[in-house]
Amino acid sequence: MSCSPSQRERKSRSQLVPPVREQYGSAGMGMFLILIFLNILWAGANPAALIMMQNHRPEWVAGFRFIGTSLLLGALLALPPFRRTVAPHFPRYLPHILLMGGVGFIGVTIAYICYFWGTKLSTATEATLLVSSSPVFYALMARLVLKERFPPQKSLGILLGLAGVWVIVNKGILLREFSGATLGNLLVLVGVITESVNVIVGKSLAMRYSGVVLLWIEATGAAIGLTIVSSLVAGAPVLNWTASDGWAWFYLTVVCTVFAFSVWFYLMERAPVGGMGVSVFAQTPAAGFIGYFLLKESLHPMIWVGAGLILIGMFLTLRAKVAPPHSG
């Protein structure tokens, strides 16, 4: 008896798509410290980008970052030890490969362009607060799309993290500044929501495949998308680089993307992304300390209060125990 086309398609899909890995309900202290470390690294991405933007258009700064990531990560994965490690978990189901490539080509490109253009029209305070709200969208989308459980402890942790960001950025409890830069704020918010969708799609696939391979596919799509947009909007790239450009590109590409995002995608294979997302709050105090120690910027005393709230919120969220589902 021959199979129908739909039956053959389901059979082919079952052979190409691996099952979902066992997922962890909460994170241990080791993951807690790793996530803090990653976000400290990412907090330095903005100063590095600003250095490059002295000689390059921001669209090309993002383009150079993902072109480098695609090439370097692809070269690493081609090495025999890495290739043997990821081979059993390499995506072979074409719709999933195209989906992750589309996240890079469309999703990452939209997010970065909205961030760059939105922050020009908004204020630093409002843009920072909007970007720092991304863990809320991570958590909500993870609950709605991935069905991650959302215990009260996780909700409290996210609220404390938001409070910490507010205190640091606003330098107190009461609102000090509101510009009414509606278009800029809307663009930043679109970037935040788009990035959150990118993370949730990545998590849904990382539960089945190698997270590092997925990052390479996403970075390749982003490199193509950002190159096209940068060429149309900013014209030809500046190829005369200074030594500072090179070091800043190295930090953005090798440290923040190839290394840090590889670790993030690896953790996404099993960890709850709604809990992982709250670690993004740590970038706000980290950026303040980086500005103080490296750029000699002033450090407001309220940063200590905000940093404390953020760390407590992160700990509560990542350690939130998830009750097993009721049977029967």
Protein backbone atom coordinates (compact mmCIF):
# COMPACT_ATOMS: atom_id res chain seq x y z
CA MET A 1 0.00 0.00 0.00
CA SER A 2 1.53 3.32 -1.10
CA CYS A 3 1.67 6.35 1.17
CA SER A 4 -0.09 9.60 0.34
CA PRO A 5 2.04 12.75 -0.26
CA SER A 6 1.08 14.13 3.15
CA GLN A 7 2.06 10.87 4.85
CA ARG A 8 5.39 10.81 3.04
CA GLU A 9 6.00 14.43 4.06
CA ARG A 10 5.27 13.64 7.73
CA LYS A 11 7.53 10.58 7.58
CA SER A 12 10.33 12.60 6.00
CA ARG A 13 9.92 15.34 8.61
CA SER A 14 10.04 12.84 11.48
CA GLN A 15 13.31 11.50 10.11
CA LEU A 16 14.91 14.93 9.68
CA VAL A 17 13.64 16.74 12.79
CA PRO A 18 15.11 15.50 16.09
CA PRO A 19 12.98 15.44 19.25
CA VAL A 20 13.01 18.27 21.77
CA ARG A 21 15.73 17.93 24.40
CA GLU A 22 14.90 17.69 28.08
CA GLN A 23 14.45 21.25 29.35
CA TYR A 24 15.54 22.67 32.70
CA GLY A 25 12.91 24.45 34.77
CA SER A 26 15.38 26.72 36.57
CA ALA A 27 19.03 27.77 36.43
CA GLY A 28 21.78 27.05 38.93
CA MET A 29 24.36 29.43 40.35
CA GLY A 30 26.83 28.52 37.61
CA MET A 31 24.48 29.68 34.87
CA PHE A 32 23.59 32.75 36.92
CA LEU A 33 27.26 33.81 36.98
CA ILE A 34 27.81 32.96 33.30
CA LEU A 35 24.85 35.10 32.24
CA ILE A 36 26.09 38.04 34.32
CA PHE A 37 29.51 37.69 32.67
CA LEU A 38 27.99 37.63 29.18
CA ASN A 39 25.98 40.76 29.83
CA ILE A 40 29.03 42.57 31.19
CA LEU A 41 30.72 41.79 27.86
CA TRP A 42 27.67 43.00 25.91
CA ALA A 43 27.59 46.23 27.95
CA GLY A 44 30.90 47.12 26.31
CA ALA A 45 29.45 46.71 22.82
CA ASN A 46 28.02 50.24 22.71
CA PRO A 47 31.34 52.01 23.44
CA ALA A 48 33.03 49.79 20.84
CA ALA A 49 30.35 50.62 18.27
CA LEU A 50 30.71 54.34 19.02
CA ILE A 51 34.43 54.10 18.28
CA MET A 52 33.73 52.53 14.88
CA MET A 53 30.96 55.02 14.13
CA GLN A 54 33.51 57.84 14.19
CA ASN A 55 34.67 56.60 10.76
CA HIS A 56 31.81 54.35 9.58
CA ARG A 57 28.04 54.63 9.18
CA PRO A 58 26.16 52.73 11.92
CA GLU A 59 24.48 50.48 9.35
CA TRP A 60 27.89 49.31 8.16
CA VAL A 61 29.14 48.84 11.74
CA ALA A 62 26.36 46.28 12.22
CA GLY A 63 27.06 44.83 8.79
CA PHE A 64 30.79 44.41 9.47
CA ARG A 65 29.95 42.74 12.79
CA PHE A 66 27.77 40.04 11.26
CA ILE A 67 29.88 39.55 8.14
CA GLY A 68 32.81 38.80 10.44
CA THR A 69 30.70 36.56 12.66
CA SER A 70 29.44 34.54 9.71
CA LEU A 71 32.92 34.02 8.27
CA LEU A 72 34.68 33.28 11.58
CA LEU A 73 31.98 31.01 12.97
CA GLY A 74 31.71 29.19 9.65
CA ALA A 75 35.48 28.63 9.65
CA LEU A 76 35.38 27.28 13.22
CA LEU A 77 32.52 24.91 12.43
CA ALA A 78 34.44 23.64 9.41
CA LEU A 79 37.33 22.45 11.59
CA PRO A 80 37.16 18.65 12.09
CA PRO A 81 36.81 18.68 15.94
CA PHE A 82 33.94 21.20 15.82
CA ARG A 83 32.34 19.56 12.78
CA ARG A 84 32.26 16.16 14.49
CA THR A 85 30.75 17.70 17.64
CA VAL A 86 27.87 19.50 15.91
CA ALA A 87 27.24 16.99 13.11
CA PRO A 88 24.58 14.99 15.05
CA HIS A 89 22.69 18.22 15.84
CA PHE A 90 23.08 20.03 12.51
CA PRO A 91 19.71 21.16 11.06
CA ARG A 92 18.73 19.13 8.00
CA TYR A 93 15.05 20.07 7.73
CA LEU A 94 15.00 22.82 5.08
CA PRO A 95 12.03 24.82 6.50
CA HIS A 96 13.85 25.14 9.83
CA ILE A 97 17.07 26.24 8.11
CA LEU A 98 15.18 28.85 6.09
CA LEU A 99 13.33 30.01 9.21
CA MET A 100 16.57 30.66 11.11
CA GLY A 101 18.14 32.29 8.06
CA GLY A 102 15.05 34.49 7.78
CA VAL A 103 15.44 35.51 11.43
CA GLY A 104 18.86 36.88 10.55
CA PHE A 105 18.01 38.32 7.14
CA ILE A 106 14.79 40.03 8.22
CA GLY A 107 14.59 40.00 12.02
CA VAL A 108 18.14 41.01 12.96
CA THR A 109 18.27 43.60 10.16
CA ILE A 110 14.99 45.22 11.26
CA ALA A 111 16.02 45.21 14.93
CA TYR A 112 19.39 46.88 14.33
CA ILE A 113 18.06 49.47 11.89
CA CYS A 114 15.24 50.38 14.29
CA TYR A 115 17.72 50.70 17.17
CA PHE A 116 20.10 52.92 15.19
CA TRP A 117 17.44 55.22 13.75
CA GLY A 118 15.24 55.22 16.85
CA THR A 119 17.97 56.23 19.28
CA LYS A 120 18.82 59.22 17.08
CA LEU A 121 15.27 60.53 17.45
CA SER A 122 14.75 59.57 21.11
CA THR A 123 16.63 60.55 24.25
CA ALA A 124 19.31 58.37 25.82
CA THR A 125 17.13 57.87 28.90
CA GLU A 126 14.00 56.78 27.06
CA ALA A 127 15.88 54.60 24.56
CA THR A 128 17.78 52.83 27.35
CA LEU A 129 14.59 52.18 29.31
CA LEU A 130 12.86 50.77 26.23
CA VAL A 131 15.78 48.50 25.29
CA SER A 132 16.05 47.34 28.88
CA SER A 133 12.42 46.23 28.82
CA SER A 134 13.26 43.36 26.43
CA PRO A 135 13.28 40.70 29.22
CA VAL A 136 9.58 41.40 29.78
CA PHE A 137 8.85 40.57 26.14
CA TYR A 138 11.13 37.51 26.31
CA ALA A 139 9.20 36.20 29.29
CA LEU A 140 5.72 36.94 27.89
CA MET A 141 6.48 35.41 24.50
CA ALA A 142 8.14 32.39 26.09
CA ARG A 143 4.99 31.86 28.14
CA LEU A 144 2.62 32.28 25.19
CA VAL A 145 4.61 30.55 22.43
CA LEU A 146 6.87 28.05 24.19
CA LYS A 147 4.52 27.38 27.11
CA GLU A 148 7.26 28.03 29.66
CA ARG A 149 5.78 28.08 33.14
CA PHE A 150 5.69 31.42 34.87
CA PRO A 151 5.75 31.08 38.67
CA PRO A 152 5.15 34.17 40.84
CA GLN A 153 8.82 34.25 41.85
CA LYS A 154 9.81 34.84 38.21
CA SER A 155 7.29 37.69 37.91
CA LEU A 156 8.69 39.33 41.05
CA GLY A 157 12.23 38.98 39.72
CA ILE A 158 11.35 40.69 36.45
CA LEU A 159 9.60 43.54 38.27
CA LEU A 160 12.66 44.05 40.51
CA GLY A 161 14.91 44.06 37.45
CA LEU A 162 12.76 46.70 35.75
CA ALA A 163 12.80 48.77 38.94
CA GLY A 164 16.59 48.55 39.05
CA VAL A 165 16.92 49.72 35.45
CA TRP A 166 14.51 52.60 36.12
CA VAL A 167 16.48 53.75 39.18
CA ILE A 168 19.82 53.66 37.31
CA VAL A 169 18.70 55.33 34.08
CA ASN A 170 16.49 57.91 35.79
CA LYS A 171 18.93 58.48 38.69
CA GLY A 172 16.09 58.15 41.17
CA ILE A 173 12.47 57.08 41.58
CA LEU A 174 10.64 60.10 40.12
CA LEU A 175 10.55 60.69 36.36
CA ARG A 176 13.11 63.37 35.47
CA GLU A 177 12.91 63.51 31.69
CA PHE A 178 10.36 62.83 28.99
CA SER A 179 10.92 64.26 25.55
CA GLY A 180 7.82 63.09 23.76
CA ALA A 181 10.00 61.78 20.90
CA THR A 182 7.19 59.49 19.77
CA LEU A 183 8.64 58.31 16.45
CA GLY A 184 12.04 57.53 17.93
CA ASN A 185 10.54 55.64 20.86
CA LEU A 186 8.25 53.67 18.54
CA LEU A 187 11.21 52.65 16.38
CA VAL A 188 13.18 51.50 19.44
CA LEU A 189 10.13 49.59 20.68
CA VAL A 190 9.74 47.88 17.28
CA GLY A 191 13.40 46.89 17.54
CA VAL A 192 12.87 45.46 21.03
CA ILE A 193 9.81 43.45 19.98
CA THR A 194 11.53 42.20 16.83
CA GLU A 195 14.59 41.09 18.78
CA SER A 196 12.32 39.31 21.27
CA VAL A 197 10.64 37.40 18.43
CA ASN A 198 14.11 36.49 17.11
CA VAL A 199 15.06 35.07 20.51
CA ILE A 200 11.87 33.01 20.84
CA VAL A 201 12.25 31.54 17.34
CA GLY A 202 15.88 30.74 18.10
CA LYS A 203 14.91 29.05 21.36
CA SER A 204 12.20 26.96 19.67
CA LEU A 205 14.83 25.57 17.28
CA ALA A 206 17.69 25.36 19.79
CA MET A 207 15.66 22.83 21.76
CA ARG A 208 16.26 20.43 18.83
CA TYR A 209 19.49 21.53 17.13
CA SER A 210 22.95 22.86 17.93
CA GLY A 211 22.60 26.42 19.18
CA VAL A 212 25.99 27.41 17.76
CA VAL A 213 25.03 26.20 14.26
CA LEU A 214 21.78 28.15 14.52
CA LEU A 215 23.78 31.27 15.45
CA TRP A 216 25.93 30.79 12.34
CA ILE A 217 22.84 30.47 10.12
CA GLU A 218 21.29 33.57 11.71
CA ALA A 219 24.53 35.57 11.41
CA THR A 220 24.85 34.63 7.73
CA GLY A 221 21.31 35.84 7.04
CA ALA A 222 21.97 39.03 9.02
CA ALA A 223 25.22 39.67 7.13
CA ILE A 224 23.37 39.49 3.80
CA GLY A 225 20.43 41.60 4.98
CA LEU A 226 22.54 44.32 6.61
CA THR A 227 24.89 44.49 3.61
CA ILE A 228 21.95 45.11 1.29
CA VAL A 229 20.37 47.74 3.56
CA SER A 230 23.70 49.44 4.26
CA SER A 231 24.52 49.64 0.55
CA LEU A 232 21.13 51.20 -0.21
CA VAL A 233 21.06 53.61 2.73
CA ALA A 234 24.70 54.44 3.44
CA GLY A 235 26.40 53.77 0.11
CA ALA A 236 29.74 52.04 -0.25
CA PRO A 237 31.59 51.08 2.96
CA VAL A 238 34.72 52.87 4.16
CA LEU A 239 37.58 50.40 3.74
CA ASN A 240 40.30 52.62 5.23
CA TRP A 241 40.32 51.34 8.83
CA THR A 242 42.31 52.72 11.75
CA ALA A 243 43.84 50.59 14.49
CA SER A 244 41.00 51.67 16.81
CA ASP A 245 38.46 50.49 14.25
CA GLY A 246 40.16 47.10 14.16
CA TRP A 247 40.18 46.64 17.92
CA ALA A 248 36.57 47.82 18.23
CA TRP A 249 35.50 45.43 15.44
CA PHE A 250 37.37 42.60 17.17
CA TYR A 251 35.51 43.26 20.41
CA LEU A 252 32.11 43.53 18.72
CA THR A 253 32.59 40.51 16.49
CA VAL A 254 34.85 38.02 18.25
CA VAL A 255 34.12 38.77 21.91
CA CYS A 256 30.47 39.93 21.88
CA THR A 257 29.13 37.79 19.04
CA VAL A 258 31.25 34.75 18.16
CA PHE A 259 32.07 33.99 21.81
CA ALA A 260 29.29 35.49 23.93
CA PHE A 261 26.38 34.66 21.63
CA SER A 262 27.71 31.15 21.07
CA VAL A 263 27.53 30.59 24.83
CA TRP A 264 24.03 32.16 24.95
CA PHE A 265 22.75 29.94 22.12
CA TYR A 266 24.33 26.88 23.74
CA LEU A 267 22.54 27.64 27.02
CA MET A 268 19.27 28.14 25.11
CA GLU A 269 19.34 24.48 24.12
CA ARG A 270 18.03 23.52 27.56
CA ALA A 271 17.56 26.60 29.77
CA PRO A 272 14.29 28.59 30.02
CA VAL A 273 14.74 31.66 27.83
CA GLY A 274 12.20 33.59 29.89
CA GLY A 275 14.56 33.24 32.85
CA MET A 276 17.70 33.84 30.81
CA GLY A 277 16.29 37.06 29.41
CA VAL A 278 16.19 38.76 32.80
CA SER A 279 20.01 38.74 32.79
CA VAL A 280 19.83 41.49 30.14
CA PHE A 281 19.00 43.86 33.00
CA ALA A 282 22.63 43.49 34.13
CA GLN A 283 23.84 45.43 31.09
CA THR A 284 22.54 48.72 32.51
CA PRO A 285 24.70 48.88 35.67
CA ALA A 286 27.60 47.24 33.80
CA ALA A 287 27.48 50.02 31.20
CA GLY A 288 27.59 52.58 34.01
CA PHE A 289 30.67 51.00 35.58
CA ILE A 290 32.39 50.67 32.18
CA GLY A 291 31.74 54.37 31.53
CA TYR A 292 33.19 55.25 34.94
CA PHE A 293 36.36 53.16 34.83
CA LEU A 294 37.21 53.35 31.10
CA LEU A 295 35.61 56.56 29.86
CA LYS A 296 35.96 58.57 33.11
CA GLU A 297 32.23 59.34 33.20
CA SER A 298 30.54 60.26 36.48
CA LEU A 299 28.90 57.48 38.50
CA HIS A 300 25.61 58.39 40.20
CA PRO A 301 25.16 56.84 43.69
CA MET A 302 21.77 55.39 42.68
CA ILE A 303 23.57 52.89 40.45
CA TRP A 304 24.33 50.81 43.55
CA VAL A 305 20.64 50.65 44.47
CA GLY A 306 19.66 49.75 40.92
CA ALA A 307 22.41 47.14 40.58
CA GLY A 308 21.29 45.50 43.83
CA LEU A 309 17.67 45.33 42.67
CA ILE A 310 18.74 43.86 39.32
CA LEU A 311 20.93 41.16 40.90
CA ILE A 312 18.15 40.14 43.30
CA GLY A 313 15.66 40.08 40.43
CA MET A 314 17.98 37.96 38.28
CA PHE A 315 18.57 35.50 41.11
CA LEU A 316 14.85 35.14 41.87
CA THR A 317 13.97 34.64 38.21
CA LEU A 318 16.68 32.13 37.37
CA ARG A 319 16.12 30.14 40.58
CA ALA A 320 12.32 30.08 40.29
CA LYS A 321 11.12 26.52 40.84
CA VAL A 322 8.60 25.23 38.35
CA ALA A 323 5.95 22.92 39.75
CA PRO A 324 5.51 19.69 37.76
CA PRO A 325 2.33 19.49 35.70
CA HIS A 326 -0.65 17.78 37.36
CA SER A 327 -1.39 14.33 36.07
CA GLY A 328 -4.78 12.84 35.47
